[in-house]
Amino acid sequence: TTIKIPFKGSENIFEVKEMLDSAITKNKEVSNQNNTDKLLKLLSYVPDWLYKFIVNILMYLDKHGMMPKAIIELSPFHTSAFLTNVGSLGIDAIYHHLYNFGTTGIFLAMGKKKKSYIYEDDDIVPEKSISLAWVADERICDGFYYANALKLFNKYKNKKRPLMIWA
């Protein structure tokens, strides 16, 4: 399922984790469907010829900034960033494409859990890890800003050793 969580921008990392945990727990139950799931289920009943017509209209509205707010609130493509856990499928992180629909500027994929070996204090130490891969839309920001953002992300993630991200 896809979960869309609105943030105010003033949340700290612990509040974000709490919001994510709550939304994930709520959406894990098969009987629960969020509004995005309900919209996608409704669209699955539409005949192909009508579906293509509807998608073309939505693409036109999106391109010209006329998308209805109700659809923006349900659309997983109208967000700042999209995070996917492809590790739950048993695969490693992937570079996911960005869509020419919506506002998603960053697509981050987490891979499966695995054991990595880190050289630390003249010893090779095993530790649990996951790989991350991200794709960013260069139209929303220049490379210098992204480089600084990655440096800051590494700083916050782990002060002992750098975070391995493929970007």
N, C-alpha and C. Protein backbone atom coordinates (compact mmCIF):
# COMPACT_ATOMS: atom_id res chain seq x y z
N THR A 1 0.83 -1.18 0.00
CA THR A 1 0.00 0.00 0.00
C THR A 1 0.87 1.24 0.00
N THR A 2 0.29 2.34 -0.35
CA THR A 2 0.99 3.62 -0.33
C THR A 2 0.37 4.48 0.75
N ILE A 3 1.23 5.05 1.59
CA ILE A 3 0.78 5.90 2.68
C ILE A 3 1.32 7.30 2.42
N LYS A 4 0.46 8.27 2.50
CA LYS A 4 0.86 9.66 2.32
C LYS A 4 0.66 10.38 3.65
N ILE A 5 1.75 10.85 4.22
CA ILE A 5 1.70 11.49 5.53
C ILE A 5 2.08 12.96 5.38
N PRO A 6 1.18 13.86 5.72
CA PRO A 6 1.53 15.29 5.64
C PRO A 6 2.35 15.72 6.86
N PHE A 7 3.38 16.49 6.61
CA PHE A 7 4.23 17.03 7.67
C PHE A 7 4.12 18.54 7.67
N LYS A 8 4.24 19.13 8.84
CA LYS A 8 4.21 20.59 8.96
C LYS A 8 5.59 21.18 8.70
N GLY A 9 6.63 20.40 8.95
CA GLY A 9 8.00 20.87 8.78
C GLY A 9 8.66 21.22 10.10
N SER A 10 7.90 21.17 11.18
CA SER A 10 8.46 21.50 12.49
C SER A 10 8.68 20.26 13.34
N GLU A 11 8.38 19.07 12.80
CA GLU A 11 8.53 17.84 13.55
C GLU A 11 10.01 17.49 13.74
N ASN A 12 10.33 16.92 14.91
CA ASN A 12 11.68 16.41 15.09
C ASN A 12 11.70 14.95 14.63
N ILE A 13 12.87 14.33 14.63
CA ILE A 13 13.03 12.98 14.10
C ILE A 13 12.20 11.97 14.88
N PHE A 14 12.02 12.19 16.17
CA PHE A 14 11.25 11.26 17.00
C PHE A 14 9.75 11.37 16.69
N GLU A 15 9.28 12.56 16.43
CA GLU A 15 7.88 12.74 16.05
C GLU A 15 7.61 12.14 14.67
N VAL A 16 8.56 12.28 13.77
CA VAL A 16 8.42 11.69 12.43
C VAL A 16 8.35 10.17 12.55
N LYS A 17 9.24 9.59 13.36
CA LYS A 17 9.23 8.14 13.56
C LYS A 17 7.90 7.69 14.14
N GLU A 18 7.38 8.42 15.12
CA GLU A 18 6.10 8.07 15.73
C GLU A 18 4.97 8.14 14.70
N MET A 19 4.97 9.17 13.87
CA MET A 19 3.94 9.31 12.83
C MET A 19 4.03 8.15 11.82
N LEU A 20 5.25 7.81 11.42
CA LEU A 20 5.44 6.71 10.48
C LEU A 20 5.00 5.38 11.08
N ASP A 21 5.45 5.11 12.31
CA ASP A 21 5.07 3.85 12.96
C ASP A 21 3.56 3.72 13.08
N SER A 22 2.91 4.79 13.46
CA SER A 22 1.45 4.78 13.61
C SER A 22 0.75 4.51 12.27
N ALA A 23 1.18 5.20 11.23
CA ALA A 23 0.56 5.03 9.91
C ALA A 23 0.83 3.63 9.35
N ILE A 24 2.03 3.12 9.54
CA ILE A 24 2.36 1.78 9.03
C ILE A 24 1.55 0.72 9.76
N THR A 25 1.47 0.83 11.08
CA THR A 25 0.69 -0.15 11.87
C THR A 25 -0.77 -0.14 11.44
N LYS A 26 -1.32 1.06 11.28
CA LYS A 26 -2.72 1.20 10.88
C LYS A 26 -2.97 0.58 9.50
N ASN A 27 -2.03 0.73 8.57
CA ASN A 27 -2.22 0.28 7.19
C ASN A 27 -1.79 -1.16 6.96
N LYS A 28 -1.18 -1.82 7.96
CA LYS A 28 -0.77 -3.21 7.79
C LYS A 28 -1.95 -4.17 7.80
N GLU A 29 -3.02 -3.78 8.45
CA GLU A 29 -4.20 -4.64 8.50
C GLU A 29 -4.86 -4.67 7.12
N VAL A 30 -5.08 -5.86 6.61
CA VAL A 30 -5.64 -6.03 5.27
C VAL A 30 -7.02 -5.37 5.16
N SER A 31 -7.78 -5.39 6.25
CA SER A 31 -9.13 -4.83 6.21
C SER A 31 -9.13 -3.31 6.11
N ASN A 32 -8.03 -2.67 6.50
CA ASN A 32 -7.95 -1.21 6.44
C ASN A 32 -7.50 -0.77 5.05
N GLN A 33 -8.22 0.16 4.49
CA GLN A 33 -7.82 0.77 3.23
C GLN A 33 -7.78 2.27 3.44
N ASN A 34 -6.65 2.87 3.08
CA ASN A 34 -6.59 4.33 3.16
C ASN A 34 -7.24 4.90 1.90
N ASN A 35 -7.36 6.21 1.86
CA ASN A 35 -8.07 6.85 0.73
C ASN A 35 -7.37 6.62 -0.61
N THR A 36 -6.04 6.55 -0.60
CA THR A 36 -5.31 6.28 -1.84
C THR A 36 -5.65 4.88 -2.35
N ASP A 37 -5.69 3.91 -1.44
CA ASP A 37 -6.07 2.54 -1.83
C ASP A 37 -7.47 2.51 -2.42
N LYS A 38 -8.39 3.24 -1.80
CA LYS A 38 -9.78 3.26 -2.28
C LYS A 38 -9.87 3.87 -3.67
N LEU A 39 -9.11 4.95 -3.91
CA LEU A 39 -9.10 5.58 -5.24
C LEU A 39 -8.56 4.61 -6.28
N LEU A 40 -7.45 3.94 -5.97
CA LEU A 40 -6.86 2.99 -6.92
C LEU A 40 -7.79 1.82 -7.19
N LYS A 41 -8.49 1.36 -6.15
CA LYS A 41 -9.45 0.26 -6.36
C LYS A 41 -10.59 0.72 -7.27
N LEU A 42 -11.07 1.94 -7.06
CA LEU A 42 -12.13 2.49 -7.92
C LEU A 42 -11.66 2.57 -9.37
N LEU A 43 -10.43 3.05 -9.58
CA LEU A 43 -9.89 3.17 -10.93
C LEU A 43 -9.69 1.81 -11.60
N SER A 44 -9.50 0.76 -10.79
CA SER A 44 -9.30 -0.57 -11.38
C SER A 44 -10.57 -1.12 -12.04
N TYR A 45 -11.72 -0.55 -11.71
CA TYR A 45 -12.98 -0.98 -12.32
C TYR A 45 -13.30 -0.24 -13.61
N VAL A 46 -12.54 0.80 -13.91
CA VAL A 46 -12.80 1.62 -15.09
C VAL A 46 -12.29 0.89 -16.34
N PRO A 47 -13.06 0.84 -17.41
CA PRO A 47 -12.59 0.21 -18.66
C PRO A 47 -11.34 0.92 -19.19
N ASP A 48 -10.50 0.17 -19.90
CA ASP A 48 -9.22 0.70 -20.39
C ASP A 48 -9.37 1.99 -21.19
N TRP A 49 -10.33 2.03 -22.11
CA TRP A 49 -10.47 3.22 -22.96
C TRP A 49 -10.82 4.45 -22.12
N LEU A 50 -11.66 4.27 -21.10
CA LEU A 50 -12.05 5.38 -20.24
C LEU A 50 -10.91 5.74 -19.28
N TYR A 51 -10.19 4.71 -18.84
CA TYR A 51 -9.04 4.92 -17.95
C TYR A 51 -8.00 5.81 -18.62
N LYS A 52 -7.67 5.51 -19.86
CA LYS A 52 -6.69 6.31 -20.61
C LYS A 52 -7.18 7.75 -20.76
N PHE A 53 -8.45 7.92 -21.01
CA PHE A 53 -9.04 9.25 -21.14
C PHE A 53 -8.91 10.03 -19.82
N ILE A 54 -9.24 9.36 -18.71
CA ILE A 54 -9.13 9.99 -17.39
C ILE A 54 -7.69 10.37 -17.07
N VAL A 55 -6.77 9.47 -17.35
CA VAL A 55 -5.34 9.75 -17.09
C VAL A 55 -4.87 10.92 -17.92
N ASN A 56 -5.27 10.98 -19.18
CA ASN A 56 -4.87 12.10 -20.04
C ASN A 56 -5.41 13.43 -19.51
N ILE A 57 -6.64 13.42 -19.03
CA ILE A 57 -7.21 14.65 -18.45
C ILE A 57 -6.43 15.05 -17.20
N LEU A 58 -6.12 14.07 -16.34
CA LEU A 58 -5.36 14.36 -15.11
C LEU A 58 -3.95 14.88 -15.44
N MET A 59 -3.32 14.30 -16.45
CA MET A 59 -1.98 14.77 -16.87
C MET A 59 -2.06 16.22 -17.35
N TYR A 60 -3.10 16.54 -18.11
CA TYR A 60 -3.29 17.90 -18.61
C TYR A 60 -3.49 18.87 -17.45
N LEU A 61 -4.38 18.50 -16.52
CA LEU A 61 -4.65 19.35 -15.37
C LEU A 61 -3.39 19.56 -14.52
N ASP A 62 -2.63 18.48 -14.35
CA ASP A 62 -1.39 18.57 -13.56
C ASP A 62 -0.37 19.47 -14.23
N LYS A 63 -0.21 19.31 -15.53
CA LYS A 63 0.78 20.10 -16.28
C LYS A 63 0.46 21.59 -16.23
N HIS A 64 -0.82 21.93 -16.16
CA HIS A 64 -1.24 23.33 -16.18
C HIS A 64 -1.62 23.87 -14.80
N GLY A 65 -1.29 23.10 -13.74
CA GLY A 65 -1.53 23.57 -12.38
C GLY A 65 -2.99 23.68 -12.01
N MET A 66 -3.83 22.86 -12.62
CA MET A 66 -5.27 22.93 -12.36
C MET A 66 -5.82 21.68 -11.69
N MET A 67 -4.93 20.87 -11.14
CA MET A 67 -5.35 19.63 -10.50
C MET A 67 -6.21 19.94 -9.27
N PRO A 68 -7.39 19.31 -9.15
CA PRO A 68 -8.23 19.54 -7.97
C PRO A 68 -7.51 19.12 -6.68
N LYS A 69 -7.71 19.90 -5.62
CA LYS A 69 -7.05 19.64 -4.35
C LYS A 69 -7.38 18.26 -3.80
N ALA A 70 -8.61 17.80 -3.99
CA ALA A 70 -9.02 16.48 -3.50
C ALA A 70 -8.16 15.38 -4.12
N ILE A 71 -7.82 15.50 -5.38
CA ILE A 71 -6.99 14.49 -6.05
C ILE A 71 -5.55 14.62 -5.58
N ILE A 72 -5.06 15.84 -5.41
CA ILE A 72 -3.70 16.05 -4.91
C ILE A 72 -3.52 15.39 -3.55
N GLU A 73 -4.52 15.51 -2.69
CA GLU A 73 -4.43 14.93 -1.35
C GLU A 73 -4.40 13.40 -1.39
N LEU A 74 -5.00 12.79 -2.40
CA LEU A 74 -5.01 11.33 -2.53
C LEU A 74 -3.84 10.79 -3.34
N SER A 75 -3.30 11.60 -4.20
CA SER A 75 -2.26 11.16 -5.13
C SER A 75 -0.92 10.92 -4.44
N PRO A 76 -0.34 9.73 -4.60
CA PRO A 76 0.99 9.49 -4.05
C PRO A 76 2.08 10.21 -4.85
N PHE A 77 1.74 10.75 -5.99
CA PHE A 77 2.71 11.42 -6.85
C PHE A 77 2.82 12.91 -6.57
N HIS A 78 1.95 13.43 -5.72
CA HIS A 78 1.99 14.84 -5.34
C HIS A 78 2.53 14.94 -3.92
N THR A 79 3.84 14.88 -3.82
CA THR A 79 4.54 14.86 -2.54
C THR A 79 5.96 15.37 -2.75
N SER A 80 6.62 15.72 -1.68
CA SER A 80 8.01 16.19 -1.79
C SER A 80 8.96 15.04 -2.04
N ALA A 81 8.73 13.93 -1.34
CA ALA A 81 9.62 12.77 -1.45
C ALA A 81 8.81 11.50 -1.34
N PHE A 82 9.29 10.45 -1.99
CA PHE A 82 8.64 9.15 -1.96
C PHE A 82 9.66 8.16 -1.43
N LEU A 83 9.30 7.47 -0.36
CA LEU A 83 10.17 6.47 0.25
C LEU A 83 9.54 5.11 0.05
N THR A 84 10.31 4.16 -0.48
CA THR A 84 9.80 2.81 -0.67
C THR A 84 10.75 1.82 -0.02
N ASN A 85 10.18 0.78 0.57
CA ASN A 85 10.97 -0.28 1.19
C ASN A 85 10.92 -1.50 0.29
N VAL A 86 11.80 -1.55 -0.70
CA VAL A 86 11.82 -2.71 -1.60
C VAL A 86 12.50 -3.91 -0.92
N GLY A 87 13.13 -3.65 0.23
CA GLY A 87 13.69 -4.74 1.01
C GLY A 87 12.62 -5.72 1.47
N SER A 88 11.39 -5.23 1.64
CA SER A 88 10.28 -6.11 2.03
C SER A 88 9.97 -7.13 0.93
N LEU A 89 10.44 -6.87 -0.29
CA LEU A 89 10.27 -7.81 -1.40
C LEU A 89 11.47 -8.75 -1.51
N GLY A 90 12.47 -8.56 -0.60
CA GLY A 90 13.66 -9.40 -0.61
C GLY A 90 14.71 -8.98 -1.61
N ILE A 91 14.66 -7.74 -2.08
CA ILE A 91 15.64 -7.26 -3.05
C ILE A 91 16.43 -6.08 -2.47
N ASP A 92 17.53 -5.79 -3.11
CA ASP A 92 18.36 -4.68 -2.68
C ASP A 92 17.79 -3.37 -3.23
N ALA A 93 18.30 -2.27 -2.73
CA ALA A 93 17.83 -0.94 -3.14
C ALA A 93 17.93 -0.78 -4.66
N ILE A 94 16.96 -0.08 -5.22
CA ILE A 94 16.91 0.15 -6.66
C ILE A 94 16.87 1.65 -6.93
N TYR A 95 17.24 2.02 -8.12
CA TYR A 95 17.06 3.41 -8.55
C TYR A 95 15.70 3.48 -9.22
N HIS A 96 14.76 4.07 -8.53
CA HIS A 96 13.41 4.17 -9.07
C HIS A 96 13.30 5.42 -9.93
N HIS A 97 12.56 5.33 -11.00
CA HIS A 97 12.40 6.49 -11.88
C HIS A 97 11.47 7.52 -11.24
N LEU A 98 11.64 8.76 -11.65
CA LEU A 98 10.71 9.81 -11.26
C LEU A 98 9.60 9.86 -12.30
N TYR A 99 8.44 10.31 -11.89
CA TYR A 99 7.30 10.37 -12.78
C TYR A 99 7.18 11.75 -13.40
N ASN A 100 6.67 11.83 -14.61
CA ASN A 100 6.36 13.11 -15.24
C ASN A 100 4.93 13.51 -14.89
N PHE A 101 4.58 13.24 -13.67
CA PHE A 101 3.25 13.53 -13.15
C PHE A 101 3.42 13.81 -11.67
N GLY A 102 2.84 14.87 -11.19
CA GLY A 102 2.95 15.18 -9.77
C GLY A 102 4.15 16.05 -9.44
N THR A 103 4.51 16.02 -8.16
CA THR A 103 5.55 16.92 -7.67
C THR A 103 6.70 16.21 -6.95
N THR A 104 6.74 14.89 -7.02
CA THR A 104 7.78 14.14 -6.31
C THR A 104 9.15 14.50 -6.88
N GLY A 105 9.99 15.09 -6.03
CA GLY A 105 11.32 15.51 -6.46
C GLY A 105 12.42 14.56 -6.05
N ILE A 106 12.13 13.69 -5.07
CA ILE A 106 13.14 12.73 -4.58
C ILE A 106 12.46 11.39 -4.39
N PHE A 107 13.09 10.34 -4.92
CA PHE A 107 12.59 8.98 -4.75
C PHE A 107 13.68 8.18 -4.06
N LEU A 108 13.41 7.72 -2.83
CA LEU A 108 14.39 7.00 -2.02
C LEU A 108 13.93 5.56 -1.83
N ALA A 109 14.81 4.61 -2.13
CA ALA A 109 14.48 3.19 -1.99
C ALA A 109 15.41 2.55 -0.97
N MET A 110 14.83 1.81 -0.02
CA MET A 110 15.60 1.06 0.97
C MET A 110 15.63 -0.40 0.54
N GLY A 111 16.81 -1.01 0.64
CA GLY A 111 16.96 -2.40 0.26
C GLY A 111 16.81 -3.35 1.43
N LYS A 112 17.06 -4.64 1.16
CA LYS A 112 16.91 -5.66 2.19
C LYS A 112 18.01 -5.55 3.25
N LYS A 113 17.71 -6.11 4.42
CA LYS A 113 18.68 -6.13 5.50
C LYS A 113 19.79 -7.10 5.13
N LYS A 114 21.03 -6.72 5.48
CA LYS A 114 22.15 -7.61 5.19
C LYS A 114 23.28 -7.35 6.17
N LYS A 115 24.27 -8.19 6.15
CA LYS A 115 25.42 -8.03 7.01
C LYS A 115 26.53 -7.36 6.21
N SER A 116 27.09 -6.31 6.77
CA SER A 116 28.24 -5.64 6.15
C SER A 116 29.44 -5.75 7.09
N TYR A 117 30.60 -5.60 6.53
CA TYR A 117 31.81 -5.66 7.35
C TYR A 117 32.49 -4.30 7.29
N ILE A 118 32.74 -3.75 8.46
CA ILE A 118 33.31 -2.41 8.59
C ILE A 118 34.68 -2.52 9.24
N TYR A 119 35.63 -1.82 8.67
CA TYR A 119 36.97 -1.78 9.25
C TYR A 119 36.97 -0.70 10.33
N GLU A 120 37.17 -1.13 11.60
CA GLU A 120 37.10 -0.20 12.72
C GLU A 120 38.17 -0.55 13.74
N ASP A 121 39.04 0.40 14.04
CA ASP A 121 40.10 0.22 15.04
C ASP A 121 40.91 -1.05 14.80
N ASP A 122 41.40 -1.22 13.59
CA ASP A 122 42.23 -2.36 13.18
C ASP A 122 41.50 -3.71 13.23
N ASP A 123 40.20 -3.69 13.31
CA ASP A 123 39.41 -4.91 13.29
C ASP A 123 38.34 -4.82 12.21
N ILE A 124 37.97 -5.97 11.69
CA ILE A 124 36.85 -6.01 10.77
C ILE A 124 35.64 -6.46 11.58
N VAL A 125 34.63 -5.58 11.64
CA VAL A 125 33.48 -5.79 12.50
C VAL A 125 32.22 -5.98 11.65
N PRO A 126 31.49 -7.10 11.88
CA PRO A 126 30.22 -7.27 11.16
C PRO A 126 29.13 -6.39 11.77
N GLU A 127 28.28 -5.86 10.93
CA GLU A 127 27.14 -5.10 11.45
C GLU A 127 25.99 -5.18 10.47
N LYS A 128 24.78 -4.99 11.00
CA LYS A 128 23.58 -5.01 10.16
C LYS A 128 23.53 -3.73 9.36
N SER A 129 23.03 -3.84 8.13
CA SER A 129 22.93 -2.63 7.30
C SER A 129 21.81 -2.82 6.27
N ILE A 130 21.44 -1.72 5.67
CA ILE A 130 20.57 -1.73 4.50
C ILE A 130 21.18 -0.75 3.52
N SER A 131 20.94 -0.98 2.26
CA SER A 131 21.43 -0.04 1.27
C SER A 131 20.30 0.93 0.93
N LEU A 132 20.68 2.13 0.54
CA LEU A 132 19.74 3.15 0.13
C LEU A 132 20.14 3.62 -1.26
N ALA A 133 19.16 3.85 -2.10
CA ALA A 133 19.42 4.42 -3.42
C ALA A 133 18.40 5.54 -3.61
N TRP A 134 18.86 6.64 -4.18
CA TRP A 134 17.90 7.72 -4.38
C TRP A 134 18.12 8.38 -5.73
N VAL A 135 17.01 8.86 -6.24
CA VAL A 135 17.01 9.60 -7.49
C VAL A 135 16.38 10.95 -7.18
N ALA A 136 17.05 12.00 -7.61
CA ALA A 136 16.55 13.35 -7.34
C ALA A 136 16.36 14.09 -8.66
N ASP A 137 15.31 14.87 -8.72
CA ASP A 137 15.01 15.66 -9.90
C ASP A 137 15.90 16.89 -9.90
N GLU A 138 16.77 16.99 -10.89
CA GLU A 138 17.71 18.12 -10.95
C GLU A 138 17.02 19.45 -11.20
N ARG A 139 15.75 19.42 -11.57
CA ARG A 139 15.05 20.67 -11.83
C ARG A 139 14.65 21.39 -10.55
N ILE A 140 14.65 20.70 -9.41
CA ILE A 140 14.23 21.35 -8.18
C ILE A 140 15.41 21.91 -7.39
N CYS A 141 16.64 21.52 -7.75
CA CYS A 141 17.78 21.94 -6.96
C CYS A 141 19.07 21.69 -7.74
N ASP A 142 20.09 22.49 -7.49
CA ASP A 142 21.34 22.27 -8.19
C ASP A 142 22.22 21.25 -7.46
N GLY A 143 23.24 20.77 -8.14
CA GLY A 143 24.13 19.73 -7.60
C GLY A 143 24.87 20.15 -6.35
N PHE A 144 25.26 21.40 -6.25
CA PHE A 144 25.99 21.89 -5.07
C PHE A 144 25.12 21.76 -3.82
N TYR A 145 23.85 22.11 -3.95
CA TYR A 145 22.93 22.00 -2.81
C TYR A 145 22.76 20.53 -2.41
N TYR A 146 22.59 19.63 -3.41
CA TYR A 146 22.44 18.21 -3.11
C TYR A 146 23.69 17.65 -2.44
N ALA A 147 24.86 18.05 -2.90
CA ALA A 147 26.10 17.58 -2.27
C ALA A 147 26.15 17.99 -0.80
N ASN A 148 25.79 19.22 -0.52
CA ASN A 148 25.78 19.69 0.87
C ASN A 148 24.70 18.98 1.69
N ALA A 149 23.57 18.70 1.06
CA ALA A 149 22.50 17.98 1.76
C ALA A 149 22.95 16.57 2.13
N LEU A 150 23.66 15.90 1.21
CA LEU A 150 24.18 14.56 1.50
C LEU A 150 25.21 14.60 2.63
N LYS A 151 26.07 15.60 2.63
CA LYS A 151 27.04 15.73 3.71
C LYS A 151 26.33 15.89 5.05
N LEU A 152 25.32 16.72 5.09
CA LEU A 152 24.56 16.94 6.32
C LEU A 152 23.82 15.68 6.73
N PHE A 153 23.25 14.97 5.75
CA PHE A 153 22.55 13.71 6.03
C PHE A 153 23.52 12.71 6.65
N ASN A 154 24.73 12.60 6.10
CA ASN A 154 25.74 11.71 6.67
C ASN A 154 26.09 12.11 8.09
N LYS A 155 26.21 13.40 8.32
CA LYS A 155 26.55 13.90 9.66
C LYS A 155 25.49 13.48 10.68
N TYR A 156 24.22 13.64 10.33
CA TYR A 156 23.14 13.30 11.24
C TYR A 156 22.97 11.80 11.39
N LYS A 157 23.22 11.05 10.34
CA LYS A 157 23.01 9.61 10.35
C LYS A 157 23.97 8.90 11.29
N ASN A 158 25.23 9.19 11.14
CA ASN A 158 26.21 8.43 11.90
C ASN A 158 27.51 9.22 11.99
N LYS A 159 27.87 9.62 13.15
CA LYS A 159 29.08 10.43 13.31
C LYS A 159 30.35 9.61 13.24
N LYS A 160 30.25 8.28 13.43
CA LYS A 160 31.44 7.44 13.43
C LYS A 160 31.93 7.10 12.04
N ARG A 161 31.00 6.82 11.12
CA ARG A 161 31.40 6.46 9.77
C ARG A 161 30.36 6.97 8.78
N PRO A 162 30.77 7.17 7.55
CA PRO A 162 29.84 7.74 6.56
C PRO A 162 28.75 6.76 6.16
N LEU A 163 27.64 7.30 5.79
CA LEU A 163 26.52 6.51 5.29
C LEU A 163 26.78 6.19 3.84
N MET A 164 26.52 4.95 3.45
CA MET A 164 26.72 4.57 2.05
C MET A 164 25.42 4.78 1.29
N ILE A 165 25.41 5.74 0.42
CA ILE A 165 24.24 6.03 -0.41
C ILE A 165 24.71 6.14 -1.85
N TRP A 166 23.95 5.55 -2.73
CA TRP A 166 24.22 5.72 -4.15
C TRP A 166 23.25 6.74 -4.66
N ALA A 167 23.74 7.81 -5.24
CA ALA A 167 22.85 8.86 -5.74
C ALA A 167 23.18 9.18 -7.17
